[in-house]
């Protein structure tokens, strides 16, 4: 139950933070891209990379803090950070081909799923 509360609380805070940061989309137009979402993804990647670096080099982050910050907060803030961190771990393990495959499949299948889901919803 403690694990669920740690992840859930971190996720709540991350989701609220994502909402406020992504509101930039409403006020800033940069080359017609959703800048707030881009900012959330980049910030999330930096945060999870920073936390992973700390976790690997020092014993500052307990297992509970990792769950709260990395799984909860970063997961609620953006799952893109988890995706990027998993690719980094694959690279660290010498699995360059897996990085290309995982990235390619994620983009292709993710976009295809959004397209199919949109069409299914629109057909109702």
PDB file of N, CA and C in Angstrom:
ATOM      1  N   UNK A   1       0.822  -1.191   0.000  1.00  0.00           N
ATOM      2  CA  UNK A   1       0.000   0.000   0.000  1.00  0.00           C
ATOM      3  C   UNK A   1       0.872   1.264   0.000  1.00  0.00           C
ATOM      4  N   UNK A   2       2.011   1.188   0.706  1.00  0.00           N
ATOM      5  CA  UNK A   2       2.920   2.329   0.758  1.00  0.00           C
ATOM      6  C   UNK A   2       3.442   2.661  -0.640  1.00  0.00           C
ATOM      7  N   UNK A   3       3.797   1.627  -1.407  1.00  0.00           N
ATOM      8  CA  UNK A   3       4.295   1.823  -2.768  1.00  0.00           C
ATOM      9  C   UNK A   3       3.253   2.517  -3.631  1.00  0.00           C
ATOM     10  N   UNK A   4       2.016   2.078  -3.527  1.00  0.00           N
ATOM     11  CA  UNK A   4       0.927   2.664  -4.323  1.00  0.00           C
ATOM     12  C   UNK A   4       0.746   4.135  -3.957  1.00  0.00           C
ATOM     13  N   UNK A   5       0.811   4.458  -2.685  1.00  0.00           N
ATOM     14  CA  UNK A   5       0.657   5.846  -2.250  1.00  0.00           C
ATOM     15  C   UNK A   5       1.822   6.719  -2.711  1.00  0.00           C
ATOM     16  N   UNK A   6       3.028   6.191  -2.661  1.00  0.00           N
ATOM     17  CA  UNK A   6       4.191   6.950  -3.131  1.00  0.00           C
ATOM     18  C   UNK A   6       4.070   7.257  -4.628  1.00  0.00           C
ATOM     19  N   UNK A   7       3.762   6.236  -5.421  1.00  0.00           N
ATOM     20  CA  UNK A   7       3.640   6.421  -6.863  1.00  0.00           C
ATOM     21  C   UNK A   7       2.440   7.315  -7.183  1.00  0.00           C
ATOM     22  N   UNK A   8       1.327   7.082  -6.522  1.00  0.00           N
ATOM     23  CA  UNK A   8       0.118   7.872  -6.774  1.00  0.00           C
ATOM     24  C   UNK A   8       0.280   9.337  -6.419  1.00  0.00           C
ATOM     25  N   UNK A   9       0.921   9.617  -5.304  1.00  0.00           N
ATOM     26  CA  UNK A   9       1.144  11.009  -4.897  1.00  0.00           C
ATOM     27  C   UNK A   9       2.101  11.699  -5.862  1.00  0.00           C
ATOM     28  N   UNK A  10       3.185  11.017  -6.215  1.00  0.00           N
ATOM     29  CA  UNK A  10       4.121  11.567  -7.194  1.00  0.00           C
ATOM     30  C   UNK A  10       3.452  11.789  -8.537  1.00  0.00           C
ATOM     31  N   UNK A  11       2.631  10.838  -8.954  1.00  0.00           N
ATOM     32  CA  UNK A  11       1.910  10.955 -10.219  1.00  0.00           C
ATOM     33  C   UNK A  11       0.938  12.114 -10.223  1.00  0.00           C
ATOM     34  N   UNK A  12       0.256  12.324  -9.102  1.00  0.00           N
ATOM     35  CA  UNK A  12      -0.665  13.452  -8.982  1.00  0.00           C
ATOM     36  C   UNK A  12       0.083  14.774  -9.149  1.00  0.00           C
ATOM     37  N   UNK A  13       1.187  14.904  -8.444  1.00  0.00           N
ATOM     38  CA  UNK A  13       1.977  16.144  -8.526  1.00  0.00           C
ATOM     39  C   UNK A  13       2.534  16.333  -9.938  1.00  0.00           C
ATOM     40  N   UNK A  14       3.036  15.245 -10.541  1.00  0.00           N
ATOM     41  CA  UNK A  14       3.558  15.322 -11.899  1.00  0.00           C
ATOM     42  C   UNK A  14       2.490  15.695 -12.916  1.00  0.00           C
ATOM     43  N   UNK A  15       1.302  15.144 -12.757  1.00  0.00           N
ATOM     44  CA  UNK A  15       0.202  15.456 -13.683  1.00  0.00           C
ATOM     45  C   UNK A  15      -0.234  16.906 -13.577  1.00  0.00           C
ATOM     46  N   UNK A  16      -0.316  17.414 -12.370  1.00  0.00           N
ATOM     47  CA  UNK A  16      -0.688  18.818 -12.175  1.00  0.00           C
ATOM     48  C   UNK A  16       0.406  19.728 -12.745  1.00  0.00           C
ATOM     49  N   UNK A  17       1.664  19.362 -12.520  1.00  0.00           N
ATOM     50  CA  UNK A  17       2.768  20.149 -13.074  1.00  0.00           C
ATOM     51  C   UNK A  17       2.713  20.141 -14.599  1.00  0.00           C
ATOM     52  N   UNK A  18       2.420  18.975 -15.194  1.00  0.00           N
ATOM     53  CA  UNK A  18       2.301  18.887 -16.650  1.00  0.00           C
ATOM     54  C   UNK A  18       1.196  19.810 -17.159  1.00  0.00           C
ATOM     55  N   UNK A  19       0.069  19.829 -16.470  1.00  0.00           N
ATOM     56  CA  UNK A  19      -1.044  20.681 -16.866  1.00  0.00           C
ATOM     57  C   UNK A  19      -0.611  22.144 -16.922  1.00  0.00           C
ATOM     58  N   UNK A  20       0.063  22.599 -15.882  1.00  0.00           N
ATOM     59  CA  UNK A  20       0.461  24.012 -15.840  1.00  0.00           C
ATOM     60  C   UNK A  20       1.553  24.348 -16.855  1.00  0.00           C
ATOM     61  N   UNK A  21       2.524  23.464 -17.018  1.00  0.00           N
ATOM     62  CA  UNK A  21       3.580  23.741 -17.992  1.00  0.00           C
ATOM     63  C   UNK A  21       3.022  23.680 -19.412  1.00  0.00           C
ATOM     64  N   UNK A  22       2.164  22.715 -19.695  1.00  0.00           N
ATOM     65  CA  UNK A  22       1.657  22.574 -21.059  1.00  0.00           C
ATOM     66  C   UNK A  22       0.655  23.666 -21.425  1.00  0.00           C
ATOM     67  N   UNK A  23       0.203  24.436 -20.450  1.00  0.00           N
ATOM     68  CA  UNK A  23      -0.666  25.575 -20.758  1.00  0.00           C
ATOM     69  C   UNK A  23       0.062  26.616 -21.611  1.00  0.00           C
ATOM     70  N   UNK A  24       1.370  26.505 -21.689  1.00  0.00           N
ATOM     71  CA  UNK A  24       2.151  27.387 -22.555  1.00  0.00           C
ATOM     72  C   UNK A  24       1.660  27.253 -23.996  1.00  0.00           C
ATOM     73  N   UNK A  25       1.130  26.072 -24.341  1.00  0.00           N
ATOM     74  CA  UNK A  25       0.580  25.865 -25.685  1.00  0.00           C
ATOM     75  C   UNK A  25      -0.440  26.933 -26.044  1.00  0.00           C
ATOM     76  N   UNK A  26      -1.172  27.409 -25.066  1.00  0.00           N
ATOM     77  CA  UNK A  26      -2.233  28.380 -25.315  1.00  0.00           C
ATOM     78  C   UNK A  26      -1.709  29.782 -25.543  1.00  0.00           C
ATOM     79  N   UNK A  27      -0.497  30.062 -25.073  1.00  0.00           N
ATOM     80  CA  UNK A  27      -0.003  31.436 -25.156  1.00  0.00           C
ATOM     81  C   UNK A  27       1.219  31.623 -26.046  1.00  0.00           C
ATOM     82  N   UNK A  28       1.886  30.553 -26.436  1.00  0.00           N
ATOM     83  CA  UNK A  28       3.108  30.676 -27.223  1.00  0.00           C
ATOM     84  C   UNK A  28       2.979  29.848 -28.493  1.00  0.00           C
ATOM     85  N   UNK A  29       3.173  30.480 -29.599  1.00  0.00           N
ATOM     86  CA  UNK A  29       3.112  29.789 -30.882  1.00  0.00           C
ATOM     87  C   UNK A  29       4.486  29.871 -31.529  1.00  0.00           C
ATOM     88  N   UNK A  30       5.165  28.747 -31.601  1.00  0.00           N
ATOM     89  CA  UNK A  30       6.513  28.674 -32.133  1.00  0.00           C
ATOM     90  C   UNK A  30       6.514  27.646 -33.266  1.00  0.00           C
ATOM     91  N   UNK A  31       6.578  28.104 -34.485  1.00  0.00           N
ATOM     92  CA  UNK A  31       6.582  27.236 -35.660  1.00  0.00           C
ATOM     93  C   UNK A  31       5.417  26.252 -35.673  1.00  0.00           C
ATOM     94  N   UNK A  32       4.301  26.656 -35.117  1.00  0.00           N
ATOM     95  CA  UNK A  32       3.074  25.849 -35.103  1.00  0.00           C
ATOM     96  C   UNK A  32       3.220  24.505 -34.404  1.00  0.00           C
ATOM     97  N   UNK A  33       4.160  24.390 -33.482  1.00  0.00           N
ATOM     98  CA  UNK A  33       4.287  23.141 -32.732  1.00  0.00           C
ATOM     99  C   UNK A  33       3.764  23.358 -31.311  1.00  0.00           C
ATOM    100  N   UNK A  34       3.286  22.295 -30.680  1.00  0.00           N
ATOM    101  CA  UNK A  34       2.827  22.406 -29.289  1.00  0.00           C
ATOM    102  C   UNK A  34       4.025  22.571 -28.345  1.00  0.00           C
ATOM    103  N   UNK A  35       4.461  23.799 -28.164  1.00  0.00           N
ATOM    104  CA  UNK A  35       5.685  24.093 -27.422  1.00  0.00           C
ATOM    105  C   UNK A  35       5.601  23.645 -25.968  1.00  0.00           C
ATOM    106  N   UNK A  36       4.446  23.820 -25.341  1.00  0.00           N
ATOM    107  CA  UNK A  36       4.297  23.402 -23.940  1.00  0.00           C
ATOM    108  C   UNK A  36       4.522  21.912 -23.769  1.00  0.00           C
ATOM    109  N   UNK A  37       3.997  21.126 -24.688  1.00  0.00           N
ATOM    110  CA  UNK A  37       4.180  19.677 -24.624  1.00  0.00           C
ATOM    111  C   UNK A  37       5.637  19.308 -24.881  1.00  0.00           C
ATOM    112  N   UNK A  38       6.257  19.988 -25.837  1.00  0.00           N
ATOM    113  CA  UNK A  38       7.682  19.770 -26.091  1.00  0.00           C
ATOM    114  C   UNK A  38       8.495  20.086 -24.839  1.00  0.00           C
ATOM    115  N   UNK A  39       8.167  21.196 -24.195  1.00  0.00           N
ATOM    116  CA  UNK A  39       8.868  21.589 -22.973  1.00  0.00           C
ATOM    117  C   UNK A  39       8.679  20.552 -21.876  1.00  0.00           C
ATOM    118  N   UNK A  40       7.468  20.048 -21.711  1.00  0.00           N
ATOM    119  CA  UNK A  40       7.199  19.005 -20.712  1.00  0.00           C
ATOM    120  C   UNK A  40       8.055  17.773 -21.005  1.00  0.00           C
ATOM    121  N   UNK A  41       8.098  17.352 -22.268  1.00  0.00           N
ATOM    122  CA  UNK A  41       8.866  16.159 -22.619  1.00  0.00           C
ATOM    123  C   UNK A  41      10.357  16.348 -22.372  1.00  0.00           C
ATOM    124  N   UNK A  42      10.889  17.498 -22.754  1.00  0.00           N
ATOM    125  CA  UNK A  42      12.317  17.755 -22.562  1.00  0.00           C
ATOM    126  C   UNK A  42      12.650  17.888 -21.075  1.00  0.00           C
ATOM    127  N   UNK A  43      11.833  18.626 -20.340  1.00  0.00           N
ATOM    128  CA  UNK A  43      12.062  18.758 -18.890  1.00  0.00           C
ATOM    129  C   UNK A  43      11.973  17.403 -18.197  1.00  0.00           C
ATOM    130  N   UNK A  44      10.973  16.622 -18.568  1.00  0.00           N
ATOM    131  CA  UNK A  44      10.821  15.292 -17.976  1.00  0.00           C
ATOM    132  C   UNK A  44      12.025  14.411 -18.246  1.00  0.00           C
ATOM    133  N   UNK A  45      12.546  14.492 -19.467  1.00  0.00           N
ATOM    134  CA  UNK A  45      13.751  13.719 -19.814  1.00  0.00           C
ATOM    135  C   UNK A  45      14.950  14.174 -18.996  1.00  0.00           C
ATOM    136  N   UNK A  46      15.095  15.486 -18.844  1.00  0.00           N
ATOM    137  CA  UNK A  46      16.213  15.991 -18.036  1.00  0.00           C
ATOM    138  C   UNK A  46      16.077  15.527 -16.590  1.00  0.00           C
ATOM    139  N   UNK A  47      14.880  15.644 -16.035  1.00  0.00           N
ATOM    140  CA  UNK A  47      14.664  15.277 -14.630  1.00  0.00           C
ATOM    141  C   UNK A  47      14.947  13.800 -14.407  1.00  0.00           C
ATOM    142  N   UNK A  48      14.396  12.920 -15.266  1.00  0.00           N
ATOM    143  CA  UNK A  48      14.612  11.489 -15.041  1.00  0.00           C
ATOM    144  C   UNK A  48      16.072  11.107 -15.287  1.00  0.00           C
ATOM    145  N   UNK A  49      16.725  11.779 -16.244  1.00  0.00           N
ATOM    146  CA  UNK A  49      18.154  11.530 -16.469  1.00  0.00           C
ATOM    147  C   UNK A  49      18.982  11.952 -15.271  1.00  0.00           C
ATOM    148  N   UNK A  50      18.665  13.127 -14.726  1.00  0.00           N
ATOM    149  CA  UNK A  50      19.343  13.644 -13.541  1.00  0.00           C
ATOM    150  C   UNK A  50      19.172  12.686 -12.364  1.00  0.00           C
ATOM    151  N   UNK A  51      17.932  12.238 -12.154  1.00  0.00           N
ATOM    152  CA  UNK A  51      17.657  11.325 -11.039  1.00  0.00           C
ATOM    153  C   UNK A  51      18.344   9.976 -11.240  1.00  0.00           C
ATOM    154  N   UNK A  52      18.371   9.482 -12.472  1.00  0.00           N
ATOM    155  CA  UNK A  52      19.049   8.218 -12.761  1.00  0.00           C
ATOM    156  C   UNK A  52      20.543   8.351 -12.513  1.00  0.00           C
ATOM    157  N   UNK A  53      21.107   9.488 -12.928  1.00  0.00           N
ATOM    158  CA  UNK A  53      22.527   9.741 -12.680  1.00  0.00           C
ATOM    159  C   UNK A  53      22.848   9.761 -11.205  1.00  0.00           C
ATOM    160  N   UNK A  54      22.003  10.426 -10.435  1.00  0.00           N
ATOM    161  CA  UNK A  54      22.198  10.457  -8.979  1.00  0.00           C
ATOM    162  C   UNK A  54      22.078   9.050  -8.400  1.00  0.00           C
ATOM    163  N   UNK A  55      21.045   8.324  -8.831  1.00  0.00           N
ATOM    164  CA  UNK A  55      20.794   6.989  -8.287  1.00  0.00           C
ATOM    165  C   UNK A  55      21.944   6.025  -8.579  1.00  0.00           C
ATOM    166  N   UNK A  56      22.576   6.178  -9.736  1.00  0.00           N
ATOM    167  CA  UNK A  56      23.676   5.275 -10.091  1.00  0.00           C
ATOM    168  C   UNK A  56      24.990   5.649  -9.412  1.00  0.00           C
ATOM    169  N   UNK A  57      25.174   6.917  -9.084  1.00  0.00           N
ATOM    170  CA  UNK A  57      26.452   7.373  -8.538  1.00  0.00           C
ATOM    171  C   UNK A  57      26.456   7.513  -7.021  1.00  0.00           C
ATOM    172  N   UNK A  58      25.293   7.696  -6.441  1.00  0.00           N
ATOM    173  CA  UNK A  58      25.221   7.952  -5.000  1.00  0.00           C
ATOM    174  C   UNK A  58      24.076   7.159  -4.389  1.00  0.00           C
ATOM    175  N   UNK A  59      24.080   7.086  -3.087  1.00  0.00           N
ATOM    176  CA  UNK A  59      22.996   6.398  -2.387  1.00  0.00           C
ATOM    177  C   UNK A  59      22.024   7.399  -1.758  1.00  0.00           C
ATOM    178  N   UNK A  60      21.943   8.583  -2.351  1.00  0.00           N
ATOM    179  CA  UNK A  60      21.069   9.634  -1.805  1.00  0.00           C
ATOM    180  C   UNK A  60      19.596   9.253  -1.932  1.00  0.00           C
ATOM    181  N   UNK A  61      19.239   8.679  -3.081  1.00  0.00           N
ATOM    182  CA  UNK A  61      17.836   8.348  -3.325  1.00  0.00           C
ATOM    183  C   UNK A  61      17.515   6.944  -2.822  1.00  0.00           C
ATOM    184  N   UNK A  62      16.634   6.872  -1.851  1.00  0.00           N
ATOM    185  CA  UNK A  62      16.180   5.574  -1.367  1.00  0.00           C
ATOM    186  C   UNK A  62      15.225   4.979  -2.408  1.00  0.00           C
ATOM    187  N   UNK A  63      14.883   3.733  -2.229  1.00  0.00           N
ATOM    188  CA  UNK A  63      13.934   3.084  -3.137  1.00  0.00           C
ATOM    189  C   UNK A  63      12.600   3.823  -3.132  1.00  0.00           C
ATOM    190  N   UNK A  64      12.199   4.317  -1.955  1.00  0.00           N
ATOM    191  CA  UNK A  64      10.930   5.043  -1.862  1.00  0.00           C
ATOM    192  C   UNK A  64      10.981   6.350  -2.641  1.00  0.00           C
ATOM    193  N   UNK A  65      12.085   7.087  -2.544  1.00  0.00           N
ATOM    194  CA  UNK A  65      12.224   8.337  -3.292  1.00  0.00           C
ATOM    195  C   UNK A  65      12.265   8.086  -4.786  1.00  0.00           C
ATOM    196  N   UNK A  66      12.896   6.993  -5.197  1.00  0.00           N
ATOM    197  CA  UNK A  66      12.917   6.641  -6.626  1.00  0.00           C
ATOM    198  C   UNK A  66      11.504   6.377  -7.130  1.00  0.00           C
ATOM    199  N   UNK A  67      10.738   5.633  -6.355  1.00  0.00           N
ATOM    200  CA  UNK A  67       9.348   5.371  -6.744  1.00  0.00           C
ATOM    201  C   UNK A  67       8.553   6.673  -6.835  1.00  0.00           C
ATOM    202  N   UNK A  68       8.692   7.504  -5.833  1.00  0.00           N
ATOM    203  CA  UNK A  68       7.950   8.764  -5.796  1.00  0.00           C
ATOM    204  C   UNK A  68       8.342   9.676  -6.959  1.00  0.00           C
ATOM    205  N   UNK A  69       9.659   9.876  -7.153  1.00  0.00           N
ATOM    206  CA  UNK A  69      10.133  10.829  -8.154  1.00  0.00           C
ATOM    207  C   UNK A  69      10.151  10.266  -9.576  1.00  0.00           C
ATOM    208  N   UNK A  70      10.738   9.085  -9.742  1.00  0.00           N
ATOM    209  CA  UNK A  70      10.951   8.582 -11.093  1.00  0.00           C
ATOM    210  C   UNK A  70       9.703   7.906 -11.664  1.00  0.00           C
ATOM    211  N   UNK A  71       9.071   7.050 -10.905  1.00  0.00           N
ATOM    212  CA  UNK A  71       7.875   6.368 -11.396  1.00  0.00           C
ATOM    213  C   UNK A  71       6.660   7.277 -11.267  1.00  0.00           C
ATOM    214  N   UNK A  72       6.496   7.874 -10.092  1.00  0.00           N
ATOM    215  CA  UNK A  72       5.326   8.713  -9.844  1.00  0.00           C
ATOM    216  C   UNK A  72       5.380  10.054 -10.540  1.00  0.00           C
ATOM    217  N   UNK A  73       6.277  10.932 -10.080  1.00  0.00           N
ATOM    218  CA  UNK A  73       6.322  12.294 -10.623  1.00  0.00           C
ATOM    219  C   UNK A  73       6.621  12.299 -12.119  1.00  0.00           C
ATOM    220  N   UNK A  74       7.720  11.656 -12.512  1.00  0.00           N
ATOM    221  CA  UNK A  74       8.085  11.674 -13.936  1.00  0.00           C
ATOM    222  C   UNK A  74       7.041  10.953 -14.788  1.00  0.00           C
ATOM    223  N   UNK A  75       6.481   9.878 -14.269  1.00  0.00           N
ATOM    224  CA  UNK A  75       5.429   9.169 -15.002  1.00  0.00           C
ATOM    225  C   UNK A  75       4.178  10.006 -15.168  1.00  0.00           C
ATOM    226  N   UNK A  76       3.834  10.792 -14.148  1.00  0.00           N
ATOM    227  CA  UNK A  76       2.689  11.682 -14.253  1.00  0.00           C
ATOM    228  C   UNK A  76       2.990  12.906 -15.098  1.00  0.00           C
ATOM    229  N   UNK A  77       4.226  13.364 -15.041  1.00  0.00           N
ATOM    230  CA  UNK A  77       4.629  14.552 -15.790  1.00  0.00           C
ATOM    231  C   UNK A  77       4.695  14.233 -17.276  1.00  0.00           C
ATOM    232  N   UNK A  78       5.356  13.135 -17.622  1.00  0.00           N
ATOM    233  CA  UNK A  78       5.450  12.703 -19.021  1.00  0.00           C
ATOM    234  C   UNK A  78       6.006  11.295 -19.081  1.00  0.00           C
ATOM    235  N   UNK A  79       5.340  10.412 -19.825  1.00  0.00           N
ATOM    236  CA  UNK A  79       5.908   9.075 -20.003  1.00  0.00           C
ATOM    237  C   UNK A  79       7.027   9.095 -21.034  1.00  0.00           C
ATOM    238  N   UNK A  80       7.149  10.188 -21.763  1.00  0.00           N
ATOM    239  CA  UNK A  80       8.239  10.314 -22.729  1.00  0.00           C
ATOM    240  C   UNK A  80       9.586  10.228 -22.023  1.00  0.00           C
ATOM    241  N   UNK A  81       9.658  10.739 -20.805  1.00  0.00           N
ATOM    242  CA  UNK A  81      10.916  10.674 -20.057  1.00  0.00           C
ATOM    243  C   UNK A  81      11.291   9.230 -19.758  1.00  0.00           C
ATOM    244  N   UNK A  82      10.322   8.401 -19.448  1.00  0.00           N
ATOM    245  CA  UNK A  82      10.589   6.985 -19.203  1.00  0.00           C
ATOM    246  C   UNK A  82      11.076   6.320 -20.483  1.00  0.00           C
ATOM    247  N   UNK A  83      10.429   6.630 -21.588  1.00  0.00           N
ATOM    248  CA  UNK A  83      10.825   6.111 -22.893  1.00  0.00           C
ATOM    249  C   UNK A  83      12.284   6.479 -23.194  1.00  0.00           C
ATOM    250  N   UNK A  84      12.640   7.730 -22.998  1.00  0.00           N
ATOM    251  CA  UNK A  84      14.002   8.184 -23.269  1.00  0.00           C
ATOM    252  C   UNK A  84      14.997   7.518 -22.319  1.00  0.00           C
ATOM    253  N   UNK A  85      14.625   7.386 -21.054  1.00  0.00           N
ATOM    254  CA  UNK A  85      15.507   6.757 -20.067  1.00  0.00           C
ATOM    255  C   UNK A  85      15.716   5.278 -20.382  1.00  0.00           C
ATOM    256  N   UNK A  86      14.661   4.592 -20.818  1.00  0.00           N
ATOM    257  CA  UNK A  86      14.801   3.184 -21.193  1.00  0.00           C
ATOM    258  C   UNK A  86      15.757   3.043 -22.381  1.00  0.00           C
ATOM    259  N   UNK A  87      15.674   3.974 -23.329  1.00  0.00           N
ATOM    260  CA  UNK A  87      16.606   3.949 -24.459  1.00  0.00           C
ATOM    261  C   UNK A  87      18.041   4.167 -23.993  1.00  0.00           C
ATOM    262  N   UNK A  88      18.224   5.065 -23.033  1.00  0.00           N
ATOM    263  CA  UNK A  88      19.559   5.296 -22.481  1.00  0.00           C
ATOM    264  C   UNK A  88      20.102   4.022 -21.835  1.00  0.00           C
ATOM    265  N   UNK A  89      19.263   3.324 -21.094  1.00  0.00           N
ATOM    266  CA  UNK A  89      19.687   2.087 -20.445  1.00  0.00           C
ATOM    267  C   UNK A  89      20.043   1.023 -21.495  1.00  0.00           C
ATOM    268  N   UNK A  90      19.275   0.962 -22.592  1.00  0.00           N
ATOM    269  CA  UNK A  90      19.607   0.037 -23.674  1.00  0.00           C
ATOM    270  C   UNK A  90      20.971   0.376 -24.271  1.00  0.00           C
ATOM    271  N   UNK A  91      21.230   1.681 -24.466  1.00  0.00           N
ATOM    272  CA  UNK A  91      22.537   2.105 -24.979  1.00  0.00           C
ATOM    273  C   UNK A  91      23.663   1.732 -24.018  1.00  0.00           C
ATOM    274  N   UNK A  92      23.422   1.950 -22.725  1.00  0.00           N
ATOM    275  CA  UNK A  92      24.428   1.603 -21.708  1.00  0.00           C
ATOM    276  C   UNK A  92      24.748   0.118 -21.739  1.00  0.00           C
ATOM    277  N   UNK A  93      23.767  -0.686 -22.148  1.00  0.00           N
ATOM    278  CA  UNK A  93      23.975  -2.133 -22.213  1.00  0.00           C
ATOM    279  C   UNK A  93      24.443  -2.591 -23.596  1.00  0.00           C
ATOM    280  N   UNK A  94      24.808  -1.624 -24.451  1.00  0.00           N
ATOM    281  CA  UNK A  94      25.341  -1.950 -25.768  1.00  0.00           C
ATOM    282  C   UNK A  94      24.315  -2.444 -26.765  1.00  0.00           C
ATOM    283  N   UNK A  95      23.060  -2.115 -26.563  1.00  0.00           N
ATOM    284  CA  UNK A  95      21.984  -2.607 -27.418  1.00  0.00           C
ATOM    285  C   UNK A  95      21.486  -1.518 -28.372  1.00  0.00           C
ATOM    286  N   UNK A  96      22.379  -1.024 -29.206  1.00  0.00           N
ATOM    287  CA  UNK A  96      22.038   0.063 -30.137  1.00  0.00           C
ATOM    288  C   UNK A  96      20.903  -0.320 -31.075  1.00  0.00           C
ATOM    289  N   UNK A  97      20.929  -1.545 -31.563  1.00  0.00           N
ATOM    290  CA  UNK A  97      19.861  -2.006 -32.455  1.00  0.00           C
ATOM    291  C   UNK A  97      18.506  -1.960 -31.740  1.00  0.00           C
ATOM    292  N   UNK A  98      18.486  -2.339 -30.483  1.00  0.00           N
ATOM    293  CA  UNK A  98      17.246  -2.308 -29.710  1.00  0.00           C
ATOM    294  C   UNK A  98      16.725  -0.884 -29.553  1.00  0.00           C
ATOM    295  N   UNK A  99      17.638   0.084 -29.410  1.00  0.00           N
ATOM    296  CA  UNK A  99      17.229   1.488 -29.317  1.00  0.00           C
ATOM    297  C   UNK A  99      16.513   1.903 -30.599  1.00  0.00           C
ATOM    298  N   UNK A 100      17.099   1.580 -31.735  1.00  0.00           N
ATOM    299  CA  UNK A 100      16.484   1.929 -33.019  1.00  0.00           C
ATOM    300  C   UNK A 100      15.145   1.232 -33.201  1.00  0.00           C
ATOM    301  N   UNK A 101      15.095  -0.046 -32.858  1.00  0.00           N
ATOM    302  CA  UNK A 101      13.859  -0.807 -32.997  1.00  0.00           C
ATOM    303  C   UNK A 101      12.775  -0.267 -32.067  1.00  0.00           C
ATOM    304  N   UNK A 102      13.116  -0.067 -30.803  1.00  0.00           N
ATOM    305  CA  UNK A 102      12.161   0.437 -29.812  1.00  0.00           C
ATOM    306  C   UNK A 102      11.655   1.826 -30.188  1.00  0.00           C
ATOM    307  N   UNK A 103      12.564   2.699 -30.595  1.00  0.00           N
ATOM    308  CA  UNK A 103      12.174   4.056 -30.974  1.00  0.00           C
ATOM    309  C   UNK A 103      11.301   4.040 -32.221  1.00  0.00           C
ATOM    310  N   UNK A 104      11.728   3.306 -33.228  1.00  0.00           N
ATOM    311  CA  UNK A 104      10.963   3.227 -34.465  1.00  0.00           C
ATOM    312  C   UNK A 104       9.576   2.648 -34.253  1.00  0.00           C
ATOM    313  N   UNK A 105       9.517   1.533 -33.528  1.00  0.00           N
ATOM    314  CA  UNK A 105       8.217   0.915 -33.254  1.00  0.00           C
ATOM    315  C   UNK A 105       7.318   1.819 -32.406  1.00  0.00           C
ATOM    316  N   UNK A 106       7.910   2.497 -31.435  1.00  0.00           N
ATOM    317  CA  UNK A 106       7.117   3.390 -30.584  1.00  0.00           C
ATOM    318  C   UNK A 106       6.482   4.509 -31.397  1.00  0.00           C
ATOM    319  N   UNK A 107       7.253   5.101 -32.287  1.00  0.00           N
ATOM    320  CA  UNK A 107       6.728   6.195 -33.096  1.00  0.00           C
ATOM    321  C   UNK A 107       5.706   5.670 -34.106  1.00  0.00           C
ATOM    322  N   UNK A 108       6.072   4.640 -34.833  1.00  0.00           N
ATOM    323  CA  UNK A 108       5.186   4.094 -35.858  1.00  0.00           C
ATOM    324  C   UNK A 108       3.889   3.538 -35.265  1.00  0.00           C
ATOM    325  N   UNK A 109       4.023   2.680 -34.271  1.00  0.00           N
ATOM    326  CA  UNK A 109       2.837   2.069 -33.674  1.00  0.00           C
ATOM    327  C   UNK A 109       2.016   3.080 -32.869  1.00  0.00           C
ATOM    328  N   UNK A 110       2.711   4.004 -32.198  1.00  0.00           N
ATOM    329  CA  UNK A 110       1.994   5.026 -31.443  1.00  0.00           C
ATOM    330  C   UNK A 110       1.169   5.918 -32.352  1.00  0.00           C
ATOM    331  N   UNK A 111       1.763   6.382 -33.430  1.00  0.00           N
ATOM    332  CA  UNK A 111       1.026   7.228 -34.367  1.00  0.00           C
ATOM    333  C   UNK A 111      -0.107   6.445 -35.022  1.00  0.00           C
ATOM    334  N   UNK A 112       0.164   5.191 -35.398  1.00  0.00           N
ATOM    335  CA  UNK A 112      -0.878   4.352 -36.002  1.00  0.00           C
ATOM    336  C   UNK A 112      -2.030   4.136 -35.036  1.00  0.00           C
ATOM    337  N   UNK A 113      -1.722   3.887 -33.773  1.00  0.00           N
ATOM    338  CA  UNK A 113      -2.767   3.675 -32.770  1.00  0.00           C
ATOM    339  C   UNK A 113      -3.603   4.937 -32.563  1.00  0.00           C
ATOM    340  N   UNK A 114      -2.949   6.096 -32.537  1.00  0.00           N
ATOM    341  CA  UNK A 114      -3.695   7.352 -32.405  1.00  0.00           C
ATOM    342  C   UNK A 114      -4.612   7.543 -33.615  1.00  0.00           C
ATOM    343  N   UNK A 115      -4.091   7.281 -34.800  1.00  0.00           N
ATOM    344  CA  UNK A 115      -4.864   7.430 -36.030  1.00  0.00           C
ATOM    345  C   UNK A 115      -6.072   6.492 -36.025  1.00  0.00           C
ATOM    346  N   UNK A 116      -5.844   5.218 -35.694  1.00  0.00           N
ATOM    347  CA  UNK A 116      -6.944   4.248 -35.657  1.00  0.00           C
ATOM    348  C   UNK A 116      -7.949   4.572 -34.553  1.00  0.00           C
ATOM    349  N   UNK A 117      -7.433   4.965 -33.392  1.00  0.00           N
ATOM    350  CA  UNK A 117      -8.335   5.340 -32.300  1.00  0.00           C
ATOM    351  C   UNK A 117      -9.184   6.558 -32.647  1.00  0.00           C
ATOM    352  N   UNK A 118      -8.558   7.536 -33.284  1.00  0.00           N
ATOM    353  CA  UNK A 118      -9.295   8.726 -33.713  1.00  0.00           C
ATOM    354  C   UNK A 118     -10.400   8.344 -34.685  1.00  0.00           C
ATOM    355  N   UNK A 119     -10.064   7.519 -35.671  1.00  0.00           N
ATOM    356  CA  UNK A 119     -11.073   7.108 -36.658  1.00  0.00           C
ATOM    357  C   UNK A 119     -12.178   6.259 -36.038  1.00  0.00           C
ATOM    358  N   UNK A 120     -11.822   5.404 -35.085  1.00  0.00           N
ATOM    359  CA  UNK A 120     -12.838   4.617 -34.404  1.00  0.00           C
ATOM    360  C   UNK A 120     -13.763   5.498 -33.591  1.00  0.00           C
ATOM    361  N   UNK A 121     -13.185   6.469 -32.904  1.00  0.00           N
ATOM    362  CA  UNK A 121     -14.016   7.402 -32.134  1.00  0.00           C
ATOM    363  C   UNK A 121     -14.885   8.266 -33.014  1.00  0.00           C
ATOM    364  N   UNK A 122     -14.340   8.712 -34.127  1.00  0.00           N
ATOM    365  CA  UNK A 122     -15.094   9.566 -35.050  1.00  0.00           C
ATOM    366  C   UNK A 122     -16.213   8.796 -35.728  1.00  0.00           C
ATOM    367  N   UNK A 123     -16.067   7.461 -35.862  1.00  0.00           N
ATOM    368  CA  UNK A 123     -17.079   6.643 -36.529  1.00  0.00           C
ATOM    369  C   UNK A 123     -18.281   6.370 -35.635  1.00  0.00           C
ATOM    370  N   UNK A 124     -18.188   6.633 -34.371  1.00  0.00           N
ATOM    371  CA  UNK A 124     -19.315   6.352 -33.447  1.00  0.00           C
ATOM    372  C   UNK A 124     -20.461   7.298 -33.656  1.00  0.00           C
TER     373      UNK A 124
END
